[in-house]
Amino acid sequence: MRLTHFSDYGLRVLMYLASRPGEHVASADMARHFNVSWNHLLKVVRRLSELGFVEAKRGPHGGVKLMPTGLDVTVGEIVRNLEPQGELVECFNEETNSCPLVQGCRLAPLLDRANSAFLGVLDEVRVRDLVPTTELADSTPPTARR
């Protein structure tokens, strides 16, 4: 399983904000800290705000702040909300499936179980469990690897 950059940044934002309780952080500062595009980070923050995980305010006293409920959300719930809602493989969608092996296929159920197990493990962890140490939150990010 591979997460999109969108989900990765969403998780990073929540962890970063969790390490700064009650503090409004400028999204531009987070973008610099994570060495990512500010425009892309704004889209992530907007989605997290729509989901009620963060509060985003504009203006000189604005920024992004973790909502109290953001600490209790599970990583699985975050991933389900930030990842595209597509099928893991083509054959999961009966309308678009063109695989000639669909009858009696044993791979699709295996992949479905694996995906469910993956999300099940993520459901066991809440954002509060991921709060980084101050050293991690304040550290200079490594050069982006892409």
N, C-alpha and C. Protein backbone atom coordinates (compact mmCIF):
# COMPACT_ATOMS: atom_id res chain seq x y z
N MET A 1 0.86 -1.17 0.00
CA MET A 1 0.00 0.00 0.00
C MET A 1 0.90 1.22 0.00
N ARG A 2 0.52 2.19 -0.79
CA ARG A 2 1.27 3.44 -0.85
C ARG A 2 0.28 4.59 -0.70
N LEU A 3 0.60 5.51 0.19
CA LEU A 3 -0.24 6.68 0.39
C LEU A 3 0.16 7.78 -0.58
N THR A 4 -0.80 8.59 -0.96
CA THR A 4 -0.50 9.74 -1.80
C THR A 4 0.23 10.79 -0.97
N HIS A 5 0.87 11.73 -1.65
CA HIS A 5 1.52 12.84 -0.95
C HIS A 5 0.48 13.62 -0.15
N PHE A 6 -0.73 13.72 -0.69
CA PHE A 6 -1.79 14.45 -0.02
C PHE A 6 -2.04 13.89 1.38
N SER A 7 -2.18 12.57 1.48
CA SER A 7 -2.40 11.93 2.78
C SER A 7 -1.17 12.06 3.67
N ASP A 8 -0.01 11.89 3.08
CA ASP A 8 1.24 12.01 3.83
C ASP A 8 1.33 13.40 4.47
N TYR A 9 1.08 14.44 3.69
CA TYR A 9 1.14 15.80 4.22
C TYR A 9 0.04 16.05 5.24
N GLY A 10 -1.13 15.47 5.01
CA GLY A 10 -2.21 15.61 5.98
C GLY A 10 -1.83 15.05 7.33
N LEU A 11 -1.22 13.87 7.33
CA LEU A 11 -0.77 13.27 8.58
C LEU A 11 0.34 14.10 9.22
N ARG A 12 1.26 14.61 8.40
CA ARG A 12 2.34 15.45 8.93
C ARG A 12 1.79 16.72 9.58
N VAL A 13 0.82 17.35 8.91
CA VAL A 13 0.23 18.58 9.46
C VAL A 13 -0.40 18.30 10.81
N LEU A 14 -1.16 17.22 10.91
CA LEU A 14 -1.83 16.90 12.17
C LEU A 14 -0.81 16.60 13.27
N MET A 15 0.24 15.87 12.95
CA MET A 15 1.28 15.57 13.94
C MET A 15 1.98 16.85 14.39
N TYR A 16 2.31 17.70 13.42
CA TYR A 16 3.01 18.95 13.71
C TYR A 16 2.16 19.84 14.61
N LEU A 17 0.88 19.97 14.27
CA LEU A 17 -0.01 20.82 15.07
C LEU A 17 -0.25 20.21 16.45
N ALA A 18 -0.29 18.89 16.52
CA ALA A 18 -0.49 18.24 17.82
C ALA A 18 0.67 18.52 18.76
N SER A 19 1.84 18.77 18.20
CA SER A 19 3.00 19.09 19.04
C SER A 19 3.00 20.55 19.49
N ARG A 20 2.02 21.31 19.00
CA ARG A 20 1.88 22.73 19.36
C ARG A 20 0.44 23.01 19.79
N PRO A 21 0.03 22.43 20.91
CA PRO A 21 -1.37 22.55 21.33
C PRO A 21 -1.81 24.00 21.50
N GLY A 22 -2.97 24.31 20.92
CA GLY A 22 -3.55 25.63 21.05
C GLY A 22 -2.90 26.71 20.21
N GLU A 23 -1.85 26.39 19.51
CA GLU A 23 -1.10 27.38 18.74
C GLU A 23 -1.60 27.43 17.30
N HIS A 24 -1.73 28.64 16.77
CA HIS A 24 -2.02 28.82 15.34
C HIS A 24 -0.68 28.88 14.61
N VAL A 25 -0.52 28.05 13.61
CA VAL A 25 0.73 27.99 12.83
C VAL A 25 0.41 28.41 11.41
N ALA A 26 1.22 29.29 10.86
CA ALA A 26 1.02 29.72 9.48
C ALA A 26 1.28 28.55 8.53
N SER A 27 0.39 28.38 7.58
CA SER A 27 0.57 27.28 6.63
C SER A 27 1.84 27.48 5.81
N ALA A 28 2.23 28.71 5.55
CA ALA A 28 3.48 28.96 4.83
C ALA A 28 4.68 28.46 5.63
N ASP A 29 4.62 28.62 6.96
CA ASP A 29 5.71 28.12 7.81
C ASP A 29 5.77 26.59 7.77
N MET A 30 4.60 25.95 7.79
CA MET A 30 4.59 24.48 7.71
C MET A 30 5.10 24.02 6.35
N ALA A 31 4.72 24.70 5.30
CA ALA A 31 5.18 24.33 3.96
C ALA A 31 6.70 24.42 3.88
N ARG A 32 7.27 25.48 4.46
CA ARG A 32 8.73 25.61 4.48
C ARG A 32 9.34 24.50 5.34
N HIS A 33 8.75 24.23 6.49
CA HIS A 33 9.27 23.20 7.39
C HIS A 33 9.29 21.83 6.71
N PHE A 34 8.23 21.52 5.96
CA PHE A 34 8.13 20.22 5.28
C PHE A 34 8.77 20.24 3.90
N ASN A 35 9.21 21.41 3.46
CA ASN A 35 9.82 21.56 2.14
C ASN A 35 8.86 21.09 1.04
N VAL A 36 7.61 21.60 1.13
CA VAL A 36 6.60 21.25 0.13
C VAL A 36 5.97 22.53 -0.40
N SER A 37 5.27 22.40 -1.49
CA SER A 37 4.59 23.52 -2.11
C SER A 37 3.54 24.10 -1.16
N TRP A 38 3.56 25.40 -1.00
CA TRP A 38 2.58 26.08 -0.15
C TRP A 38 1.17 25.87 -0.71
N ASN A 39 1.02 25.96 -2.04
CA ASN A 39 -0.30 25.77 -2.64
C ASN A 39 -0.84 24.36 -2.36
N HIS A 40 0.02 23.37 -2.46
CA HIS A 40 -0.41 22.00 -2.18
C HIS A 40 -0.78 21.84 -0.71
N LEU A 41 0.03 22.42 0.17
CA LEU A 41 -0.26 22.32 1.59
C LEU A 41 -1.58 23.02 1.94
N LEU A 42 -1.88 24.12 1.26
CA LEU A 42 -3.15 24.81 1.49
C LEU A 42 -4.33 23.91 1.15
N LYS A 43 -4.22 23.13 0.09
CA LYS A 43 -5.29 22.20 -0.28
C LYS A 43 -5.47 21.14 0.81
N VAL A 44 -4.38 20.67 1.35
CA VAL A 44 -4.43 19.68 2.42
C VAL A 44 -5.10 20.29 3.66
N VAL A 45 -4.67 21.49 4.03
CA VAL A 45 -5.23 22.17 5.20
C VAL A 45 -6.72 22.43 4.99
N ARG A 46 -7.09 22.84 3.79
CA ARG A 46 -8.51 23.09 3.50
C ARG A 46 -9.33 21.81 3.72
N ARG A 47 -8.82 20.69 3.25
CA ARG A 47 -9.54 19.42 3.42
C ARG A 47 -9.61 19.03 4.90
N LEU A 48 -8.51 19.19 5.62
CA LEU A 48 -8.50 18.88 7.05
C LEU A 48 -9.49 19.76 7.80
N SER A 49 -9.63 21.00 7.35
CA SER A 49 -10.58 21.93 7.96
C SER A 49 -12.01 21.49 7.66
N GLU A 50 -12.28 21.10 6.41
CA GLU A 50 -13.61 20.61 6.05
C GLU A 50 -14.01 19.41 6.89
N LEU A 51 -13.04 18.58 7.21
CA LEU A 51 -13.29 17.38 8.01
C LEU A 51 -13.44 17.69 9.50
N GLY A 52 -13.10 18.92 9.89
CA GLY A 52 -13.22 19.33 11.29
C GLY A 52 -12.03 18.95 12.16
N PHE A 53 -10.92 18.56 11.54
CA PHE A 53 -9.72 18.18 12.29
C PHE A 53 -8.88 19.38 12.68
N VAL A 54 -8.93 20.44 11.87
CA VAL A 54 -8.17 21.66 12.16
C VAL A 54 -9.08 22.86 11.96
N GLU A 55 -8.65 23.97 12.54
CA GLU A 55 -9.31 25.26 12.34
C GLU A 55 -8.32 26.11 11.55
N ALA A 56 -8.78 26.70 10.48
CA ALA A 56 -7.91 27.55 9.66
C ALA A 56 -8.49 28.95 9.64
N LYS A 57 -7.65 29.93 10.00
CA LYS A 57 -8.05 31.34 10.00
C LYS A 57 -7.12 32.12 9.10
N ARG A 58 -7.70 33.06 8.38
CA ARG A 58 -6.90 33.95 7.54
C ARG A 58 -6.53 35.20 8.33
N GLY A 59 -5.56 35.92 7.80
CA GLY A 59 -5.24 37.20 8.38
C GLY A 59 -3.99 37.18 9.24
N PRO A 60 -3.64 38.37 9.76
CA PRO A 60 -2.38 38.50 10.51
C PRO A 60 -2.35 37.67 11.79
N HIS A 61 -3.49 37.38 12.38
CA HIS A 61 -3.53 36.57 13.60
C HIS A 61 -4.10 35.19 13.29
N GLY A 62 -4.00 34.82 12.03
CA GLY A 62 -4.56 33.55 11.60
C GLY A 62 -3.56 32.42 11.67
N GLY A 63 -3.86 31.40 10.94
CA GLY A 63 -3.03 30.22 10.90
C GLY A 63 -3.89 28.98 11.05
N VAL A 64 -3.23 27.88 11.28
CA VAL A 64 -3.92 26.60 11.40
C VAL A 64 -3.70 26.07 12.81
N LYS A 65 -4.78 25.58 13.40
CA LYS A 65 -4.72 25.05 14.76
C LYS A 65 -5.45 23.72 14.78
N LEU A 66 -4.91 22.76 15.52
CA LEU A 66 -5.56 21.47 15.67
C LEU A 66 -6.79 21.62 16.54
N MET A 67 -7.91 21.09 16.09
CA MET A 67 -9.13 21.08 16.90
C MET A 67 -8.98 19.99 17.96
N PRO A 68 -9.62 20.13 19.11
CA PRO A 68 -9.53 19.09 20.14
C PRO A 68 -9.89 17.71 19.62
N THR A 69 -10.88 17.65 18.73
CA THR A 69 -11.28 16.37 18.16
C THR A 69 -10.20 15.78 17.25
N GLY A 70 -9.31 16.64 16.76
CA GLY A 70 -8.23 16.18 15.90
C GLY A 70 -7.26 15.25 16.60
N LEU A 71 -7.16 15.36 17.91
CA LEU A 71 -6.27 14.47 18.67
C LEU A 71 -6.82 13.06 18.76
N ASP A 72 -8.13 12.93 18.71
CA ASP A 72 -8.76 11.63 18.91
C ASP A 72 -9.09 10.88 17.62
N VAL A 73 -8.92 11.52 16.49
CA VAL A 73 -9.21 10.85 15.23
C VAL A 73 -8.15 9.77 14.98
N THR A 74 -8.59 8.66 14.40
CA THR A 74 -7.62 7.58 14.12
C THR A 74 -6.91 7.84 12.80
N VAL A 75 -5.73 7.28 12.69
CA VAL A 75 -4.97 7.41 11.46
C VAL A 75 -5.75 6.75 10.32
N GLY A 76 -6.44 5.65 10.61
CA GLY A 76 -7.26 5.00 9.59
C GLY A 76 -8.34 5.91 9.05
N GLU A 77 -9.00 6.64 9.94
CA GLU A 77 -10.04 7.57 9.51
C GLU A 77 -9.46 8.69 8.64
N ILE A 78 -8.29 9.17 9.02
CA ILE A 78 -7.64 10.22 8.23
C ILE A 78 -7.32 9.70 6.84
N VAL A 79 -6.73 8.52 6.77
CA VAL A 79 -6.35 7.95 5.48
C VAL A 79 -7.60 7.71 4.62
N ARG A 80 -8.65 7.18 5.20
CA ARG A 80 -9.89 6.95 4.45
C ARG A 80 -10.45 8.27 3.89
N ASN A 81 -10.30 9.36 4.65
CA ASN A 81 -10.83 10.65 4.22
C ASN A 81 -9.92 11.40 3.26
N LEU A 82 -8.63 11.10 3.26
CA LEU A 82 -7.71 11.84 2.40
C LEU A 82 -7.30 11.09 1.14
N GLU A 83 -7.36 9.78 1.18
CA GLU A 83 -6.99 8.99 0.00
C GLU A 83 -8.15 8.99 -0.99
N PRO A 84 -7.83 8.95 -2.27
CA PRO A 84 -8.89 8.85 -3.28
C PRO A 84 -9.70 7.57 -3.02
N GLN A 85 -10.99 7.67 -3.20
CA GLN A 85 -11.87 6.53 -2.93
C GLN A 85 -12.03 5.64 -4.15
N GLY A 86 -10.93 5.12 -4.63
CA GLY A 86 -10.96 4.21 -5.75
C GLY A 86 -10.73 2.79 -5.29
N GLU A 87 -10.90 1.90 -6.20
CA GLU A 87 -10.66 0.51 -5.89
C GLU A 87 -9.17 0.24 -5.88
N LEU A 88 -8.76 -0.72 -5.08
CA LEU A 88 -7.36 -1.08 -4.99
C LEU A 88 -6.87 -1.64 -6.33
N VAL A 89 -7.71 -2.45 -6.96
CA VAL A 89 -7.42 -2.98 -8.30
C VAL A 89 -8.69 -2.88 -9.14
N GLU A 90 -8.52 -2.94 -10.42
CA GLU A 90 -9.62 -2.75 -11.38
C GLU A 90 -10.81 -3.66 -11.11
N CYS A 91 -10.56 -4.90 -10.77
CA CYS A 91 -11.66 -5.87 -10.64
C CYS A 91 -12.56 -5.60 -9.44
N PHE A 92 -12.20 -4.67 -8.57
CA PHE A 92 -13.06 -4.35 -7.44
C PHE A 92 -14.30 -3.58 -7.89
N ASN A 93 -14.26 -2.99 -9.07
CA ASN A 93 -15.40 -2.25 -9.60
C ASN A 93 -16.07 -3.09 -10.68
N GLU A 94 -17.25 -3.60 -10.36
CA GLU A 94 -17.97 -4.47 -11.30
C GLU A 94 -18.31 -3.77 -12.61
N GLU A 95 -18.52 -2.47 -12.57
CA GLU A 95 -18.91 -1.73 -13.77
C GLU A 95 -17.76 -1.57 -14.76
N THR A 96 -16.53 -1.42 -14.27
CA THR A 96 -15.40 -1.17 -15.16
C THR A 96 -14.46 -2.37 -15.28
N ASN A 97 -14.75 -3.43 -14.58
CA ASN A 97 -13.87 -4.60 -14.60
C ASN A 97 -13.80 -5.22 -15.99
N SER A 98 -12.59 -5.40 -16.48
CA SER A 98 -12.41 -6.07 -17.77
C SER A 98 -11.47 -7.28 -17.63
N CYS A 99 -11.19 -7.68 -16.41
CA CYS A 99 -10.27 -8.79 -16.18
C CYS A 99 -10.96 -10.11 -16.54
N PRO A 100 -10.35 -10.89 -17.40
CA PRO A 100 -10.94 -12.16 -17.79
C PRO A 100 -10.82 -13.24 -16.70
N LEU A 101 -10.09 -12.95 -15.63
CA LEU A 101 -9.87 -13.93 -14.58
C LEU A 101 -10.83 -13.77 -13.40
N VAL A 102 -11.82 -12.89 -13.53
CA VAL A 102 -12.68 -12.56 -12.41
C VAL A 102 -13.42 -13.78 -11.85
N GLN A 103 -13.82 -14.69 -12.68
CA GLN A 103 -14.50 -15.89 -12.21
C GLN A 103 -13.49 -16.77 -11.46
N GLY A 104 -13.75 -17.02 -10.22
CA GLY A 104 -12.89 -17.89 -9.43
C GLY A 104 -11.56 -17.28 -9.01
N CYS A 105 -11.43 -15.97 -9.16
CA CYS A 105 -10.17 -15.31 -8.79
C CYS A 105 -9.97 -15.35 -7.28
N ARG A 106 -8.77 -15.69 -6.90
CA ARG A 106 -8.45 -15.72 -5.47
C ARG A 106 -7.59 -14.52 -5.05
N LEU A 107 -7.13 -13.75 -6.03
CA LEU A 107 -6.29 -12.61 -5.72
C LEU A 107 -7.11 -11.44 -5.16
N ALA A 108 -8.23 -11.12 -5.77
CA ALA A 108 -9.03 -9.97 -5.34
C ALA A 108 -9.46 -10.07 -3.88
N PRO A 109 -9.98 -11.22 -3.42
CA PRO A 109 -10.34 -11.30 -2.00
C PRO A 109 -9.13 -11.15 -1.08
N LEU A 110 -7.99 -11.65 -1.52
CA LEU A 110 -6.76 -11.51 -0.73
C LEU A 110 -6.37 -10.04 -0.60
N LEU A 111 -6.41 -9.32 -1.72
CA LEU A 111 -6.07 -7.89 -1.69
C LEU A 111 -7.07 -7.10 -0.85
N ASP A 112 -8.32 -7.47 -0.92
CA ASP A 112 -9.35 -6.81 -0.12
C ASP A 112 -9.08 -7.04 1.38
N ARG A 113 -8.75 -8.26 1.74
CA ARG A 113 -8.44 -8.56 3.15
C ARG A 113 -7.19 -7.82 3.60
N ALA A 114 -6.17 -7.76 2.73
CA ALA A 114 -4.93 -7.07 3.08
C ALA A 114 -5.18 -5.58 3.29
N ASN A 115 -5.98 -4.99 2.42
CA ASN A 115 -6.31 -3.57 2.55
C ASN A 115 -7.09 -3.32 3.84
N SER A 116 -8.03 -4.19 4.15
CA SER A 116 -8.80 -4.06 5.39
C SER A 116 -7.89 -4.20 6.61
N ALA A 117 -6.93 -5.12 6.54
CA ALA A 117 -5.99 -5.30 7.65
C ALA A 117 -5.12 -4.06 7.81
N PHE A 118 -4.67 -3.51 6.70
CA PHE A 118 -3.84 -2.29 6.71
C PHE A 118 -4.59 -1.17 7.42
N LEU A 119 -5.83 -0.92 7.00
CA LEU A 119 -6.62 0.13 7.62
C LEU A 119 -6.97 -0.21 9.06
N GLY A 120 -7.16 -1.49 9.35
CA GLY A 120 -7.46 -1.91 10.72
C GLY A 120 -6.33 -1.57 11.67
N VAL A 121 -5.10 -1.76 11.23
CA VAL A 121 -3.94 -1.40 12.06
C VAL A 121 -3.91 0.11 12.26
N LEU A 122 -4.19 0.87 11.21
CA LEU A 122 -4.20 2.33 11.33
C LEU A 122 -5.33 2.81 12.23
N ASP A 123 -6.40 2.04 12.31
CA ASP A 123 -7.52 2.40 13.19
C ASP A 123 -7.16 2.25 14.67
N GLU A 124 -6.09 1.56 14.96
CA GLU A 124 -5.67 1.35 16.35
C GLU A 124 -4.89 2.52 16.93
N VAL A 125 -4.52 3.47 16.06
CA VAL A 125 -3.66 4.58 16.49
C VAL A 125 -4.38 5.91 16.26
N ARG A 126 -4.34 6.74 17.29
CA ARG A 126 -4.94 8.08 17.20
C ARG A 126 -3.83 9.11 17.02
N VAL A 127 -4.20 10.28 16.54
CA VAL A 127 -3.22 11.35 16.33
C VAL A 127 -2.47 11.63 17.63
N ARG A 128 -3.16 11.60 18.75
CA ARG A 128 -2.50 11.88 20.04
C ARG A 128 -1.36 10.90 20.29
N ASP A 129 -1.44 9.70 19.73
CA ASP A 129 -0.38 8.70 19.89
C ASP A 129 0.84 9.01 19.04
N LEU A 130 0.69 9.91 18.09
CA LEU A 130 1.76 10.24 17.15
C LEU A 130 2.46 11.56 17.45
N VAL A 131 2.05 12.21 18.55
CA VAL A 131 2.60 13.54 18.85
C VAL A 131 4.11 13.42 18.97
N PRO A 132 4.82 14.13 18.11
CA PRO A 132 6.28 14.05 18.14
C PRO A 132 6.88 14.79 19.32
N THR A 133 8.09 14.46 19.61
CA THR A 133 8.80 15.19 20.65
C THR A 133 9.07 16.60 20.15
N THR A 134 9.35 17.49 21.06
CA THR A 134 9.65 18.87 20.66
C THR A 134 10.82 18.90 19.69
N GLU A 135 11.80 18.03 19.92
CA GLU A 135 12.97 18.01 19.04
C GLU A 135 12.56 17.72 17.61
N LEU A 136 11.65 16.77 17.42
CA LEU A 136 11.21 16.42 16.08
C LEU A 136 10.44 17.57 15.45
N ALA A 137 9.55 18.16 16.19
CA ALA A 137 8.73 19.24 15.66
C ALA A 137 9.56 20.47 15.33
N ASP A 138 10.61 20.71 16.09
CA ASP A 138 11.44 21.89 15.88
C ASP A 138 12.63 21.65 14.96
N SER A 139 12.83 20.42 14.57
CA SER A 139 14.03 20.12 13.78
C SER A 139 13.91 20.67 12.37
N THR A 140 15.05 20.87 11.78
CA THR A 140 15.10 21.29 10.40
C THR A 140 14.81 20.07 9.54
N PRO A 141 13.89 20.18 8.59
CA PRO A 141 13.53 19.01 7.78
C PRO A 141 14.68 18.60 6.86
N PRO A 142 14.75 17.31 6.56
CA PRO A 142 15.75 16.86 5.61
C PRO A 142 15.37 17.36 4.22
N THR A 143 16.32 17.33 3.31
CA THR A 143 16.03 17.72 1.93
C THR A 143 14.98 16.76 1.39
N ALA A 144 14.01 17.33 0.71
CA ALA A 144 12.92 16.49 0.18
C ALA A 144 13.47 15.47 -0.79
N ARG A 145 13.01 14.23 -0.63
CA ARG A 145 13.41 13.14 -1.52
C ARG A 145 12.27 12.88 -2.49
N ARG A 146 12.48 13.15 -3.74
CA ARG A 146 11.45 12.90 -4.75
C ARG A 146 12.07 12.33 -5.98
